[in-house]
């Protein structure tokens, strides 16, 4: 969650400032940028897509 925040706001503030404020390392953030999503993250995304599709298809006007 912290790294996502940094990625979203790095155009506004320097990465070093945000990392210091959130008590994370810059190297950890940069490693997160290039790391592939974990099996759990991919599974969660797939499940979320299925739930979203089920919700949309269940709409009854």
PDB file of N, CA and C in Angstrom:
ATOM      1  N   UNK A   1       0.817  -1.184   0.000  1.00  0.00           N
ATOM      2  CA  UNK A   1       0.000   0.000   0.000  1.00  0.00           C
ATOM      3  C   UNK A   1       0.871   1.263   0.000  1.00  0.00           C
ATOM      4  N   UNK A   2       1.946   1.225   0.771  1.00  0.00           N
ATOM      5  CA  UNK A   2       2.828   2.395   0.816  1.00  0.00           C
ATOM      6  C   UNK A   2       3.491   2.634  -0.529  1.00  0.00           C
ATOM      7  N   UNK A   3       3.961   1.547  -1.151  1.00  0.00           N
ATOM      8  CA  UNK A   3       4.627   1.701  -2.438  1.00  0.00           C
ATOM      9  C   UNK A   3       3.665   2.191  -3.510  1.00  0.00           C
ATOM     10  N   UNK A   4       2.423   1.758  -3.456  1.00  0.00           N
ATOM     11  CA  UNK A   4       1.420   2.248  -4.406  1.00  0.00           C
ATOM     12  C   UNK A   4       1.222   3.753  -4.239  1.00  0.00           C
ATOM     13  N   UNK A   5       1.187   4.210  -2.998  1.00  0.00           N
ATOM     14  CA  UNK A   5       1.056   5.641  -2.721  1.00  0.00           C
ATOM     15  C   UNK A   5       2.238   6.404  -3.309  1.00  0.00           C
ATOM     16  N   UNK A   6       3.440   5.871  -3.100  1.00  0.00           N
ATOM     17  CA  UNK A   6       4.637   6.532  -3.617  1.00  0.00           C
ATOM     18  C   UNK A   6       4.582   6.606  -5.135  1.00  0.00           C
ATOM     19  N   UNK A   7       4.204   5.507  -5.772  1.00  0.00           N
ATOM     20  CA  UNK A   7       4.132   5.478  -7.232  1.00  0.00           C
ATOM     21  C   UNK A   7       3.132   6.498  -7.755  1.00  0.00           C
ATOM     22  N   UNK A   8       2.026   6.639  -7.049  1.00  0.00           N
ATOM     23  CA  UNK A   8       0.983   7.566  -7.485  1.00  0.00           C
ATOM     24  C   UNK A   8       1.410   9.025  -7.326  1.00  0.00           C
ATOM     25  N   UNK A   9       2.204   9.326  -6.315  1.00  0.00           N
ATOM     26  CA  UNK A   9       2.539  10.706  -5.997  1.00  0.00           C
ATOM     27  C   UNK A   9       3.976  11.116  -6.333  1.00  0.00           C
ATOM     28  N   UNK A  10       4.724  10.250  -6.999  1.00  0.00           N
ATOM     29  CA  UNK A  10       6.130  10.580  -7.256  1.00  0.00           C
ATOM     30  C   UNK A  10       6.316  11.704  -8.264  1.00  0.00           C
ATOM     31  N   UNK A  11       5.277  12.051  -9.005  1.00  0.00           N
ATOM     32  CA  UNK A  11       5.367  13.193  -9.919  1.00  0.00           C
ATOM     33  C   UNK A  11       5.196  14.525  -9.171  1.00  0.00           C
ATOM     34  N   UNK A  12       4.611  14.450  -7.985  1.00  0.00           N
ATOM     35  CA  UNK A  12       4.342  15.651  -7.193  1.00  0.00           C
ATOM     36  C   UNK A  12       5.504  15.950  -6.239  1.00  0.00           C
ATOM     37  N   UNK A  13       5.973  14.924  -5.536  1.00  0.00           N
ATOM     38  CA  UNK A  13       7.050  15.082  -4.557  1.00  0.00           C
ATOM     39  C   UNK A  13       8.191  14.136  -4.890  1.00  0.00           C
ATOM     40  N   UNK A  14       9.392  14.466  -4.465  1.00  0.00           N
ATOM     41  CA  UNK A  14      10.521  13.564  -4.690  1.00  0.00           C
ATOM     42  C   UNK A  14      10.324  12.226  -3.962  1.00  0.00           C
ATOM     43  N   UNK A  15      10.732  11.153  -4.603  1.00  0.00           N
ATOM     44  CA  UNK A  15      10.595   9.822  -4.020  1.00  0.00           C
ATOM     45  C   UNK A  15      11.312   9.749  -2.678  1.00  0.00           C
ATOM     46  N   UNK A  16      12.458  10.365  -2.583  1.00  0.00           N
ATOM     47  CA  UNK A  16      13.207  10.309  -1.325  1.00  0.00           C
ATOM     48  C   UNK A  16      12.422  10.922  -0.171  1.00  0.00           C
ATOM     49  N   UNK A  17      11.714  12.004  -0.420  1.00  0.00           N
ATOM     50  CA  UNK A  17      10.905  12.638   0.634  1.00  0.00           C
ATOM     51  C   UNK A  17       9.770  11.724   1.073  1.00  0.00           C
ATOM     52  N   UNK A  18       9.078  11.158   0.097  1.00  0.00           N
ATOM     53  CA  UNK A  18       7.930  10.302   0.426  1.00  0.00           C
ATOM     54  C   UNK A  18       8.410   9.054   1.168  1.00  0.00           C
ATOM     55  N   UNK A  19       9.493   8.454   0.695  1.00  0.00           N
ATOM     56  CA  UNK A  19      10.015   7.261   1.363  1.00  0.00           C
ATOM     57  C   UNK A  19      10.404   7.562   2.805  1.00  0.00           C
ATOM     58  N   UNK A  20      11.023   8.706   3.008  1.00  0.00           N
ATOM     59  CA  UNK A  20      11.411   9.075   4.370  1.00  0.00           C
ATOM     60  C   UNK A  20      10.171   9.280   5.243  1.00  0.00           C
ATOM     61  N   UNK A  21       9.164   9.950   4.716  1.00  0.00           N
ATOM     62  CA  UNK A  21       7.944  10.207   5.484  1.00  0.00           C
ATOM     63  C   UNK A  21       7.202   8.914   5.824  1.00  0.00           C
ATOM     64  N   UNK A  22       7.266   7.935   4.923  1.00  0.00           N
ATOM     65  CA  UNK A  22       6.555   6.670   5.145  1.00  0.00           C
ATOM     66  C   UNK A  22       7.440   5.594   5.768  1.00  0.00           C
ATOM     67  N   UNK A  23       8.677   5.945   6.061  1.00  0.00           N
ATOM     68  CA  UNK A  23       9.642   5.037   6.695  1.00  0.00           C
ATOM     69  C   UNK A  23       9.866   3.772   5.874  1.00  0.00           C
ATOM     70  N   UNK A  24      10.086   3.954   4.575  1.00  0.00           N
ATOM     71  CA  UNK A  24      10.448   2.836   3.702  1.00  0.00           C
ATOM     72  C   UNK A  24      11.722   3.217   2.945  1.00  0.00           C
ATOM     73  N   UNK A  25      12.427   2.213   2.454  1.00  0.00           N
ATOM     74  CA  UNK A  25      13.658   2.497   1.728  1.00  0.00           C
ATOM     75  C   UNK A  25      13.373   2.792   0.263  1.00  0.00           C
ATOM     76  N   UNK A  26      14.201   3.646  -0.305  1.00  0.00           N
ATOM     77  CA  UNK A  26      14.066   3.937  -1.737  1.00  0.00           C
ATOM     78  C   UNK A  26      14.373   2.699  -2.557  1.00  0.00           C
ATOM     79  N   UNK A  27      15.346   1.908  -2.109  1.00  0.00           N
ATOM     80  CA  UNK A  27      15.692   0.695  -2.855  1.00  0.00           C
ATOM     81  C   UNK A  27      14.528  -0.304  -2.833  1.00  0.00           C
ATOM     82  N   UNK A  28      13.826  -0.367  -1.721  1.00  0.00           N
ATOM     83  CA  UNK A  28      12.655  -1.234  -1.641  1.00  0.00           C
ATOM     84  C   UNK A  28      11.569  -0.795  -2.603  1.00  0.00           C
ATOM     85  N   UNK A  29      11.368   0.513  -2.706  1.00  0.00           N
ATOM     86  CA  UNK A  29      10.371   1.033  -3.645  1.00  0.00           C
ATOM     87  C   UNK A  29      10.753   0.713  -5.079  1.00  0.00           C
ATOM     88  N   UNK A  30      12.017   0.948  -5.428  1.00  0.00           N
ATOM     89  CA  UNK A  30      12.455   0.697  -6.801  1.00  0.00           C
ATOM     90  C   UNK A  30      12.426  -0.799  -7.125  1.00  0.00           C
ATOM     91  N   UNK A  31      12.705  -1.652  -6.160  1.00  0.00           N
ATOM     92  CA  UNK A  31      12.598  -3.099  -6.375  1.00  0.00           C
ATOM     93  C   UNK A  31      11.137  -3.480  -6.599  1.00  0.00           C
ATOM     94  N   UNK A  32      10.225  -2.849  -5.857  1.00  0.00           N
ATOM     95  CA  UNK A  32       8.792  -3.116  -6.012  1.00  0.00           C
ATOM     96  C   UNK A  32       8.308  -2.742  -7.413  1.00  0.00           C
ATOM     97  N   UNK A  33       8.864  -1.673  -7.975  1.00  0.00           N
ATOM     98  CA  UNK A  33       8.454  -1.230  -9.308  1.00  0.00           C
ATOM     99  C   UNK A  33       8.700  -2.288 -10.379  1.00  0.00           C
ATOM    100  N   UNK A  34       9.789  -3.013 -10.279  1.00  0.00           N
ATOM    101  CA  UNK A  34      10.152  -3.975 -11.321  1.00  0.00           C
ATOM    102  C   UNK A  34       9.754  -5.410 -10.989  1.00  0.00           C
ATOM    103  N   UNK A  35       9.312  -5.643  -9.761  1.00  0.00           N
ATOM    104  CA  UNK A  35       8.940  -6.990  -9.343  1.00  0.00           C
ATOM    105  C   UNK A  35       7.602  -7.383  -9.959  1.00  0.00           C
ATOM    106  N   UNK A  36       7.482  -8.615 -10.391  1.00  0.00           N
ATOM    107  CA  UNK A  36       6.216  -9.128 -10.926  1.00  0.00           C
ATOM    108  C   UNK A  36       5.222  -9.318  -9.780  1.00  0.00           C
ATOM    109  N   UNK A  37       3.921  -9.175 -10.059  1.00  0.00           N
ATOM    110  CA  UNK A  37       2.923  -9.401  -9.009  1.00  0.00           C
ATOM    111  C   UNK A  37       3.021 -10.824  -8.452  1.00  0.00           C
ATOM    112  N   UNK A  38       2.774 -10.959  -7.166  1.00  0.00           N
ATOM    113  CA  UNK A  38       2.845 -12.269  -6.529  1.00  0.00           C
ATOM    114  C   UNK A  38       1.676 -13.148  -6.974  1.00  0.00           C
ATOM    115  N   UNK A  39       1.785 -14.429  -6.675  1.00  0.00           N
ATOM    116  CA  UNK A  39       0.703 -15.366  -6.995  1.00  0.00           C
ATOM    117  C   UNK A  39      -0.569 -14.907  -6.288  1.00  0.00           C
ATOM    118  N   UNK A  40      -0.448 -14.481  -5.047  1.00  0.00           N
ATOM    119  CA  UNK A  40      -1.607 -14.034  -4.277  1.00  0.00           C
ATOM    120  C   UNK A  40      -2.245 -12.798  -4.915  1.00  0.00           C
ATOM    121  N   UNK A  41      -1.440 -11.853  -5.336  1.00  0.00           N
ATOM    122  CA  UNK A  41      -1.969 -10.637  -5.962  1.00  0.00           C
ATOM    123  C   UNK A  41      -2.696 -10.968  -7.260  1.00  0.00           C
ATOM    124  N   UNK A  42      -2.122 -11.871  -8.050  1.00  0.00           N
ATOM    125  CA  UNK A  42      -2.781 -12.267  -9.301  1.00  0.00           C
ATOM    126  C   UNK A  42      -4.094 -12.995  -9.008  1.00  0.00           C
ATOM    127  N   UNK A  43      -4.089 -13.849  -7.999  1.00  0.00           N
ATOM    128  CA  UNK A  43      -5.292 -14.576  -7.613  1.00  0.00           C
ATOM    129  C   UNK A  43      -6.372 -13.613  -7.123  1.00  0.00           C
ATOM    130  N   UNK A  44      -5.984 -12.643  -6.311  1.00  0.00           N
ATOM    131  CA  UNK A  44      -6.939 -11.650  -5.808  1.00  0.00           C
ATOM    132  C   UNK A  44      -7.552 -10.845  -6.949  1.00  0.00           C
ATOM    133  N   UNK A  45      -6.736 -10.475  -7.925  1.00  0.00           N
ATOM    134  CA  UNK A  45      -7.233  -9.703  -9.060  1.00  0.00           C
ATOM    135  C   UNK A  45      -8.220 -10.525  -9.886  1.00  0.00           C
ATOM    136  N   UNK A  46      -7.909 -11.793 -10.099  1.00  0.00           N
ATOM    137  CA  UNK A  46      -8.806 -12.679 -10.846  1.00  0.00           C
ATOM    138  C   UNK A  46     -10.136 -12.843 -10.109  1.00  0.00           C
ATOM    139  N   UNK A  47     -10.067 -13.038  -8.796  1.00  0.00           N
ATOM    140  CA  UNK A  47     -11.280 -13.184  -7.994  1.00  0.00           C
ATOM    141  C   UNK A  47     -12.116 -11.909  -8.025  1.00  0.00           C
ATOM    142  N   UNK A  48     -11.448 -10.754  -7.916  1.00  0.00           N
ATOM    143  CA  UNK A  48     -12.167  -9.479  -7.959  1.00  0.00           C
ATOM    144  C   UNK A  48     -12.889  -9.295  -9.286  1.00  0.00           C
ATOM    145  N   UNK A  49     -12.252  -9.705 -10.372  1.00  0.00           N
ATOM    146  CA  UNK A  49     -12.886  -9.595 -11.687  1.00  0.00           C
ATOM    147  C   UNK A  49     -14.129 -10.477 -11.764  1.00  0.00           C
ATOM    148  N   UNK A  50     -14.058 -11.668 -11.198  1.00  0.00           N
ATOM    149  CA  UNK A  50     -15.213 -12.575 -11.200  1.00  0.00           C
ATOM    150  C   UNK A  50     -16.354 -12.003 -10.358  1.00  0.00           C
ATOM    151  N   UNK A  51     -16.035 -11.445  -9.213  1.00  0.00           N
ATOM    152  CA  UNK A  51     -17.058 -10.847  -8.347  1.00  0.00           C
ATOM    153  C   UNK A  51     -17.703  -9.658  -9.058  1.00  0.00           C
ATOM    154  N   UNK A  52     -16.906  -8.823  -9.675  1.00  0.00           N
ATOM    155  CA  UNK A  52     -17.414  -7.667 -10.417  1.00  0.00           C
ATOM    156  C   UNK A  52     -18.338  -8.105 -11.549  1.00  0.00           C
ATOM    157  N   UNK A  53     -17.939  -9.117 -12.303  1.00  0.00           N
ATOM    158  CA  UNK A  53     -18.755  -9.619 -13.411  1.00  0.00           C
ATOM    159  C   UNK A  53     -20.061 -10.207 -12.897  1.00  0.00           C
ATOM    160  N   UNK A  54     -20.008 -10.908 -11.788  1.00  0.00           N
ATOM    161  CA  UNK A  54     -21.212 -11.492 -11.204  1.00  0.00           C
ATOM    162  C   UNK A  54     -22.170 -10.395 -10.743  1.00  0.00           C
ATOM    163  N   UNK A  55     -21.629  -9.358 -10.135  1.00  0.00           N
ATOM    164  CA  UNK A  55     -22.454  -8.247  -9.672  1.00  0.00           C
ATOM    165  C   UNK A  55     -23.147  -7.557 -10.843  1.00  0.00           C
ATOM    166  N   UNK A  56     -22.393  -7.299 -11.899  1.00  0.00           N
ATOM    167  CA  UNK A  56     -22.956  -6.617 -13.069  1.00  0.00           C
ATOM    168  C   UNK A  56     -24.015  -7.482 -13.737  1.00  0.00           C
ATOM    169  N   UNK A  57     -23.770  -8.790 -13.847  1.00  0.00           N
ATOM    170  CA  UNK A  57     -24.728  -9.670 -14.517  1.00  0.00           C
ATOM    171  C   UNK A  57     -25.977  -9.918 -13.661  1.00  0.00           C
ATOM    172  N   UNK A  58     -25.905  -9.647 -12.374  1.00  0.00           N
ATOM    173  CA  UNK A  58     -27.061  -9.889 -11.502  1.00  0.00           C
ATOM    174  C   UNK A  58     -28.027  -8.722 -11.462  1.00  0.00           C
ATOM    175  N   UNK A  59     -27.693  -7.629 -12.131  1.00  0.00           N
ATOM    176  CA  UNK A  59     -28.552  -6.449 -12.136  1.00  0.00           C
ATOM    177  C   UNK A  59     -29.885  -6.771 -12.810  1.00  0.00           C
ATOM    178  N   UNK A  60     -30.973  -6.501 -12.110  1.00  0.00           N
ATOM    179  CA  UNK A  60     -32.310  -6.762 -12.631  1.00  0.00           C
ATOM    180  C   UNK A  60     -33.108  -5.452 -12.598  1.00  0.00           C
ATOM    181  N   UNK A  61     -33.368  -4.838 -13.749  1.00  0.00           N
ATOM    182  CA  UNK A  61     -34.090  -3.551 -13.749  1.00  0.00           C
ATOM    183  C   UNK A  61     -35.543  -3.676 -13.335  1.00  0.00           C
TER     184      UNK A  61
END
